[in-house]
């Protein structure tokens, strides 16, 4: 017995090339396909071919999408749209939300569609990273206080032991090393306290080189392990006028644009400080490079963020780049695309005098 042919068209339009419902399928601006329950593609539109970088229609849906996603799309069980990251042949990375539903003319066929959610995904990652900053800042403040109390006890007991030892005791060397270790630990505690404290709103003279050097450990802790973080400071870099707390959060906030996109395939992040050439002051350049930065959505997300008010986020204390720049001492921030896979945030800081 011959297998039943799928009914893609209504009886009144059957036999007409790309007419009726199938014509609507090809008119959709989003990737779409009609598949059988075994994953075989009966019909697909040009948008799907462009997404997959194919010249001819694929035979099966798993030629375009991963097998586990195809299994869900083939299932008749209702489910929410599933996001998938697409990066084919050096093309810009994009996120597509895939869903499926029964074809009304034949229950054995399913209509699969995908909607580009790259921009929404970028903004969600950005807001999530900002919320991570808020949580980290709150925790660091409490940890710094408790850790400082513990250090005070260690240093105090070490000094008592040192006072009770004979002057010629070899144990004085150990107590000196304890004191030196406590001093180093206090430096770490001070960094925690600076990260968690509120902005003073007052920009004053700051050593640009020191600001950059102290920020590097935070960047290494924040960025994924697949990202190599490096730094360089021009010895001629002058002092700048900035509010230290705002300076750190501006650059850490910029890293949120890079973090999500470099998390999958890795890349590099380079922080550099150098003198401003066109005017007095200093320039801090944060450059990221990687396959995940290919494409334009980052610029649009950044421009959108600058246009939003500080209370537009669900969390009222969310870090807001534009507001922080305004409070950082007449600084300016610019986003540049150096090449298809490289982006740079350039922060220009006014001179100290």
Protein backbone atom coordinates (compact mmCIF):
# COMPACT_ATOMS: atom_id res chain seq x y z
CA UNK A 1 0.00 0.00 0.00
CA UNK A 2 1.46 3.36 -1.04
CA UNK A 3 2.16 5.84 1.78
CA UNK A 4 -0.25 8.72 2.14
CA UNK A 5 1.14 11.96 0.66
CA UNK A 6 1.17 14.93 3.03
CA UNK A 7 -1.59 17.49 2.60
CA UNK A 8 0.23 20.83 2.48
CA UNK A 9 -2.43 22.73 0.57
CA UNK A 10 -6.17 23.00 0.82
CA UNK A 11 -8.12 21.13 -1.94
CA UNK A 12 -8.94 24.38 -3.71
CA UNK A 13 -5.28 25.40 -4.04
CA UNK A 14 -3.57 22.02 -4.44
CA UNK A 15 -1.46 21.77 -7.57
CA UNK A 16 -0.71 25.51 -7.74
CA UNK A 17 2.95 26.34 -7.20
CA UNK A 18 3.47 27.99 -3.82
CA UNK A 19 -0.14 28.92 -3.38
CA UNK A 20 -2.36 29.04 -0.33
CA UNK A 21 -0.78 28.15 3.04
CA UNK A 22 2.58 27.17 1.53
CA UNK A 23 2.80 30.57 -0.13
CA UNK A 24 2.30 32.13 3.31
CA UNK A 25 5.13 29.93 4.63
CA UNK A 26 7.50 31.36 2.03
CA UNK A 27 6.29 34.88 2.73
CA UNK A 28 7.18 34.68 6.42
CA UNK A 29 10.15 36.94 7.32
CA UNK A 30 11.33 34.47 9.97
CA UNK A 31 12.90 31.02 9.42
CA UNK A 32 10.11 28.46 8.95
CA UNK A 33 9.71 24.86 7.79
CA UNK A 34 7.12 22.12 7.52
CA UNK A 35 8.42 18.82 8.92
CA UNK A 36 7.11 15.32 9.39
CA UNK A 37 7.23 13.71 12.81
CA UNK A 38 10.42 11.89 11.80
CA UNK A 39 12.18 15.24 11.21
CA UNK A 40 12.08 15.12 7.40
CA UNK A 41 11.64 18.59 5.88
CA UNK A 42 8.77 18.85 3.41
CA UNK A 43 9.05 22.59 2.74
CA UNK A 44 11.13 25.48 4.06
CA UNK A 45 11.42 29.18 3.27
CA UNK A 46 14.39 31.29 2.18
CA UNK A 47 14.87 32.76 5.68
CA UNK A 48 15.77 29.29 7.00
CA UNK A 49 18.23 28.76 4.15
CA UNK A 50 19.90 32.10 4.90
CA UNK A 51 20.17 31.28 8.60
CA UNK A 52 21.79 27.92 7.85
CA UNK A 53 23.92 29.35 5.01
CA UNK A 54 22.56 26.73 2.60
CA UNK A 55 21.91 27.07 -1.11
CA UNK A 56 19.42 24.21 -1.34
CA UNK A 57 16.77 23.02 1.13
CA UNK A 58 18.15 20.47 3.63
CA UNK A 59 16.61 17.00 3.75
CA UNK A 60 16.18 16.92 7.51
CA UNK A 61 15.77 19.49 10.27
CA UNK A 62 18.73 18.08 12.21
CA UNK A 63 20.90 19.24 9.32
CA UNK A 64 20.18 22.76 10.59
CA UNK A 65 19.51 22.35 14.32
CA UNK A 66 21.02 20.11 17.02
CA UNK A 67 19.35 16.74 17.52
CA UNK A 68 18.06 17.40 21.05
CA UNK A 69 16.30 20.57 19.86
CA UNK A 70 14.81 18.75 16.88
CA UNK A 71 13.43 16.09 19.23
CA UNK A 72 11.52 18.76 21.16
CA UNK A 73 10.22 20.43 17.99
CA UNK A 74 9.02 17.08 16.62
CA UNK A 75 7.15 16.31 19.83
CA UNK A 76 3.42 16.92 19.99
CA UNK A 77 3.74 17.85 23.69
CA UNK A 78 3.26 21.64 24.17
CA UNK A 79 6.43 23.45 25.24
CA UNK A 80 7.82 26.95 25.42
CA UNK A 81 10.04 28.37 22.69
CA UNK A 82 13.60 27.03 22.90
CA UNK A 83 16.53 29.40 22.35
CA UNK A 84 19.48 28.27 20.29
CA UNK A 85 22.75 30.01 19.52
CA UNK A 86 23.62 30.12 15.82
CA UNK A 87 27.17 30.78 14.56
CA UNK A 88 27.77 29.31 11.11
CA UNK A 89 30.78 29.81 8.85
CA UNK A 90 32.02 32.98 10.52
CA UNK A 91 28.62 34.66 10.35
CA UNK A 92 27.44 37.00 13.13
CA UNK A 93 26.35 35.15 16.24
CA UNK A 94 22.60 35.24 16.76
CA UNK A 95 20.07 33.71 19.13
CA UNK A 96 16.83 32.26 17.72
CA UNK A 97 13.78 31.13 19.71
CA UNK A 98 12.36 28.01 18.02
CA UNK A 99 8.83 26.69 18.44
CA UNK A 100 6.51 24.30 16.62
CA UNK A 101 2.82 23.59 16.30
CA UNK A 102 0.63 21.18 14.29
CA UNK A 103 -0.02 22.04 10.64
CA UNK A 104 -3.79 22.69 10.49
CA UNK A 105 -4.28 20.74 7.25
CA UNK A 106 -2.47 17.57 8.38
CA UNK A 107 -1.90 16.48 12.02
CA UNK A 108 1.14 14.47 10.92
CA UNK A 109 2.98 17.64 9.93
CA UNK A 110 4.38 20.34 12.19
CA UNK A 111 5.15 23.99 11.43
CA UNK A 112 8.53 25.03 12.88
CA UNK A 113 9.34 28.73 13.18
CA UNK A 114 12.20 30.72 14.66
CA UNK A 115 12.28 34.31 15.92
CA UNK A 116 15.52 36.32 16.24
CA UNK A 117 15.93 37.22 19.93
CA UNK A 118 19.59 38.27 19.79
CA UNK A 119 18.95 41.75 21.13
CA UNK A 120 16.63 40.55 23.90
CA UNK A 121 19.19 37.91 24.90
CA UNK A 122 21.96 40.52 25.06
CA UNK A 123 19.90 42.84 27.26
CA UNK A 124 18.87 40.00 29.58
CA UNK A 125 22.52 39.00 30.02
CA UNK A 126 23.43 42.63 30.63
CA UNK A 127 20.81 43.12 33.34
CA UNK A 128 21.69 39.76 34.94
CA UNK A 129 25.34 40.79 35.11
CA UNK A 130 24.38 44.09 36.73
CA UNK A 131 22.38 42.23 39.33
CA UNK A 132 25.45 40.05 39.93
CA UNK A 133 27.43 43.24 40.59
CA UNK A 134 24.86 44.40 43.14
CA UNK A 135 24.93 41.07 44.97
CA UNK A 136 28.73 40.90 44.88
CA UNK A 137 29.02 44.44 46.21
CA UNK A 138 26.64 43.73 49.09
CA UNK A 139 28.43 40.50 50.01
CA UNK A 140 31.90 42.03 49.73
CA UNK A 141 31.00 44.75 52.21
CA UNK A 142 29.93 42.23 54.86
CA UNK A 143 32.87 39.93 54.18
CA UNK A 144 35.34 42.80 54.41
CA UNK A 145 33.99 43.79 57.84
CA UNK A 146 34.17 40.24 59.24
CA UNK A 147 37.56 39.55 57.70
CA UNK A 148 38.97 42.79 59.08
CA UNK A 149 37.86 41.81 62.59
CA UNK A 150 39.61 38.45 62.24
CA UNK A 151 42.80 40.14 61.02
CA UNK A 152 42.75 42.53 63.97
CA UNK A 153 42.68 39.56 66.35
CA UNK A 154 45.54 37.80 64.55
CA UNK A 155 47.70 40.93 64.50
CA UNK A 156 46.96 41.73 68.15
CA UNK A 157 47.91 38.24 69.36
CA UNK A 158 51.06 38.34 67.23
CA UNK A 159 52.11 41.62 68.84
CA UNK A 160 51.48 40.23 72.34
CA UNK A 161 53.64 37.19 71.56
CA UNK A 162 56.37 39.42 70.17
CA UNK A 163 56.39 41.58 73.33
CA UNK A 164 56.71 38.55 75.60
CA UNK A 165 59.54 36.94 73.65
CA UNK A 166 63.18 37.57 74.62
CA UNK A 167 64.87 40.10 72.37
CA UNK A 168 67.22 37.48 70.96
CA UNK A 169 64.47 34.90 70.32
CA UNK A 170 64.46 33.48 66.76
CA UNK A 171 60.66 33.48 66.92
CA UNK A 172 60.60 37.25 66.26
CA UNK A 173 61.09 36.45 62.59
CA UNK A 174 57.85 34.46 62.57
CA UNK A 175 55.88 37.22 64.25
CA UNK A 176 57.25 39.69 61.69
CA UNK A 177 56.08 37.44 58.87
CA UNK A 178 52.64 37.22 60.50
CA UNK A 179 52.45 41.02 60.60
CA UNK A 180 53.52 41.27 56.95
CA UNK A 181 50.88 38.73 55.90
CA UNK A 182 48.21 40.65 57.81
CA UNK A 183 49.21 43.84 56.01
CA UNK A 184 48.80 42.11 52.64
CA UNK A 185 45.43 40.76 53.71
CA UNK A 186 44.37 44.25 54.77
CA UNK A 187 45.05 45.43 51.23
CA UNK A 188 42.60 42.80 49.96
CA UNK A 189 40.04 43.86 52.55
CA UNK A 190 40.44 47.47 51.50
CA UNK A 191 39.70 46.47 47.88
CA UNK A 192 36.52 44.71 49.04
CA UNK A 193 35.48 47.79 50.96
CA UNK A 194 36.12 50.09 48.00
CA UNK A 195 34.07 47.85 45.72
CA UNK A 196 31.08 47.82 48.08
CA UNK A 197 31.03 51.41 49.25
CA UNK A 198 28.73 54.10 47.90
CA UNK A 199 30.07 56.67 45.49
CA UNK A 200 31.23 59.91 47.09
CA UNK A 201 30.31 61.84 43.96
CA UNK A 202 33.57 63.78 44.23
CA UNK A 203 36.18 63.39 41.49
CA UNK A 204 39.73 64.11 42.58
CA UNK A 205 43.30 63.46 41.41
CA UNK A 206 43.98 59.76 40.87
CA UNK A 207 47.03 57.88 39.56
CA UNK A 208 45.68 56.35 36.35
CA UNK A 209 48.27 53.58 36.30
CA UNK A 210 47.32 52.47 39.80
CA UNK A 211 43.60 52.52 38.96
CA UNK A 212 44.23 50.16 36.04
CA UNK A 213 46.57 47.85 37.94
CA UNK A 214 44.10 47.46 40.79
CA UNK A 215 41.24 46.74 38.40
CA UNK A 216 42.92 43.83 36.60
CA UNK A 217 42.32 41.23 39.39
CA UNK A 218 38.62 42.14 39.42
CA UNK A 219 38.41 41.66 35.64
CA UNK A 220 40.12 38.27 35.87
CA UNK A 221 37.66 37.17 38.54
CA UNK A 222 34.63 38.45 36.62
CA UNK A 223 35.42 37.22 33.09
CA UNK A 224 34.94 33.55 32.10
CA UNK A 225 37.96 31.26 32.37
CA UNK A 226 38.03 30.97 28.55
CA UNK A 227 38.91 34.67 28.29
CA UNK A 228 42.56 35.69 28.65
CA UNK A 229 42.84 39.03 30.49
CA UNK A 230 45.95 41.17 29.94
CA UNK A 231 46.93 44.76 30.72
CA UNK A 232 49.47 47.39 29.75
CA UNK A 233 50.22 50.85 31.13
CA UNK A 234 52.17 53.49 29.23
CA UNK A 235 54.74 54.94 31.68
CA UNK A 236 53.88 58.40 30.35
CA UNK A 237 50.23 58.09 31.38
CA UNK A 238 49.41 61.14 33.54
CA UNK A 239 47.25 61.35 36.61
CA UNK A 240 43.55 61.89 35.96
CA UNK A 241 40.57 63.39 37.76
CA UNK A 242 38.02 60.70 38.59
CA UNK A 243 35.95 59.15 41.34
CA UNK A 244 37.62 55.79 41.98
CA UNK A 245 34.43 53.88 42.72
CA UNK A 246 32.71 55.16 39.58
CA UNK A 247 35.79 54.43 37.47
CA UNK A 248 35.78 50.78 38.51
CA UNK A 249 32.08 50.30 37.95
CA UNK A 250 32.12 51.99 34.54
CA UNK A 251 34.69 49.53 33.24
CA UNK A 252 33.19 46.52 35.01
CA UNK A 253 29.84 47.50 33.55
CA UNK A 254 31.41 47.60 30.07
CA UNK A 255 32.70 44.07 30.66
CA UNK A 256 29.13 42.81 30.91
CA UNK A 257 28.82 43.37 27.15
CA UNK A 258 31.83 41.15 26.58
CA UNK A 259 31.31 38.50 29.23
CA UNK A 260 28.23 36.78 27.77
CA UNK A 261 29.53 36.81 24.21
CA UNK A 262 32.98 35.44 24.98
CA UNK A 263 31.73 32.82 27.43
CA UNK A 264 31.12 30.13 24.80
CA UNK A 265 34.13 30.34 22.47
CA UNK A 266 36.57 32.38 24.57
CA UNK A 267 38.71 35.29 23.48
CA UNK A 268 40.91 38.02 24.88
CA UNK A 269 40.34 41.11 27.01
CA UNK A 270 43.01 43.81 27.17
CA UNK A 271 43.00 46.80 29.51
CA UNK A 272 45.39 49.61 28.61
CA UNK A 273 46.16 53.09 29.96
CA UNK A 274 47.89 55.75 27.86
CA UNK A 275 48.13 59.52 27.55
CA UNK A 276 45.41 61.33 25.62
CA UNK A 277 46.85 62.57 22.34
CA UNK A 278 44.27 65.15 21.30
CA UNK A 279 43.97 66.83 24.69
CA UNK A 280 45.32 66.69 28.22
CA UNK A 281 44.25 63.79 30.34
CA UNK A 282 44.41 60.01 30.18
CA UNK A 283 42.76 57.32 28.08
CA UNK A 284 41.76 53.89 29.38
CA UNK A 285 40.94 51.42 26.62
CA UNK A 286 39.14 48.12 27.23
CA UNK A 287 39.44 45.91 24.14
CA UNK A 288 37.82 42.51 23.66
CA UNK A 289 38.34 40.15 20.74
CA UNK A 290 36.63 36.88 19.88
CA UNK A 291 34.26 35.10 17.56
CA UNK A 292 31.33 35.88 19.86
CA UNK A 293 31.67 39.62 19.14
CA UNK A 294 31.03 39.19 15.42
CA UNK A 295 27.99 41.27 14.41
CA UNK A 296 26.28 44.53 15.33
CA UNK A 297 23.77 43.91 18.18
CA UNK A 298 26.23 45.10 20.85
CA UNK A 299 26.25 48.64 19.51
CA UNK A 300 22.46 48.75 19.49
CA UNK A 301 22.25 47.39 23.03
CA UNK A 302 24.79 49.93 24.22
CA UNK A 303 22.95 52.85 22.58
CA UNK A 304 19.69 51.64 24.06
CA UNK A 305 21.23 51.45 27.52
CA UNK A 306 22.52 55.01 27.32
CA UNK A 307 19.02 56.18 26.45
CA UNK A 308 17.40 54.45 29.43
CA UNK A 309 16.83 56.11 32.75
CA UNK A 310 18.46 54.71 35.88
CA UNK A 311 15.11 53.48 37.22
CA UNK A 312 14.12 51.70 34.00
CA UNK A 313 15.52 48.39 35.20
CA UNK A 314 13.60 45.98 37.40
CA UNK A 315 16.27 46.52 40.06
CA UNK A 316 16.43 50.16 41.09
CA UNK A 317 20.10 49.90 42.10
CA UNK A 318 21.24 48.54 38.71
CA UNK A 319 24.53 49.89 37.43
CA UNK A 320 23.86 52.45 34.71
CA UNK A 321 26.78 53.39 32.52
CA UNK A 322 25.62 56.82 31.43
CA UNK A 323 24.79 57.95 34.95
CA UNK A 324 28.13 56.76 36.27
CA UNK A 325 30.03 58.57 33.55
CA UNK A 326 28.25 61.79 34.45
CA UNK A 327 29.38 61.37 38.06
CA UNK A 328 32.92 60.27 37.23
CA UNK A 329 34.42 63.71 36.65
CA UNK A 330 33.53 64.88 33.12
CA UNK A 331 34.67 61.62 31.56
CA UNK A 332 33.52 60.40 28.16
CA UNK A 333 32.95 56.85 26.91
CA UNK A 334 32.98 55.69 23.31
CA UNK A 335 32.37 52.27 21.74
CA UNK A 336 34.53 51.45 18.71
CA UNK A 337 34.64 48.47 16.38
CA UNK A 338 38.26 47.83 15.46
CA UNK A 339 37.48 44.86 13.19
CA UNK A 340 34.58 42.39 12.80
CA UNK A 341 35.66 40.43 15.89
CA UNK A 342 37.08 43.22 18.05
CA UNK A 343 35.32 45.91 20.09
CA UNK A 344 36.78 48.60 22.34
CA UNK A 345 35.36 50.80 25.03
CA UNK A 346 37.47 53.98 25.21
CA UNK A 347 37.16 55.96 28.45
CA UNK A 348 38.68 59.44 28.31
CA UNK A 349 39.47 61.00 31.69
CA UNK A 350 40.18 64.69 32.34
CA UNK A 351 43.59 65.77 33.68
CA UNK A 352 44.19 65.90 37.42
CA UNK A 353 44.81 69.69 37.39
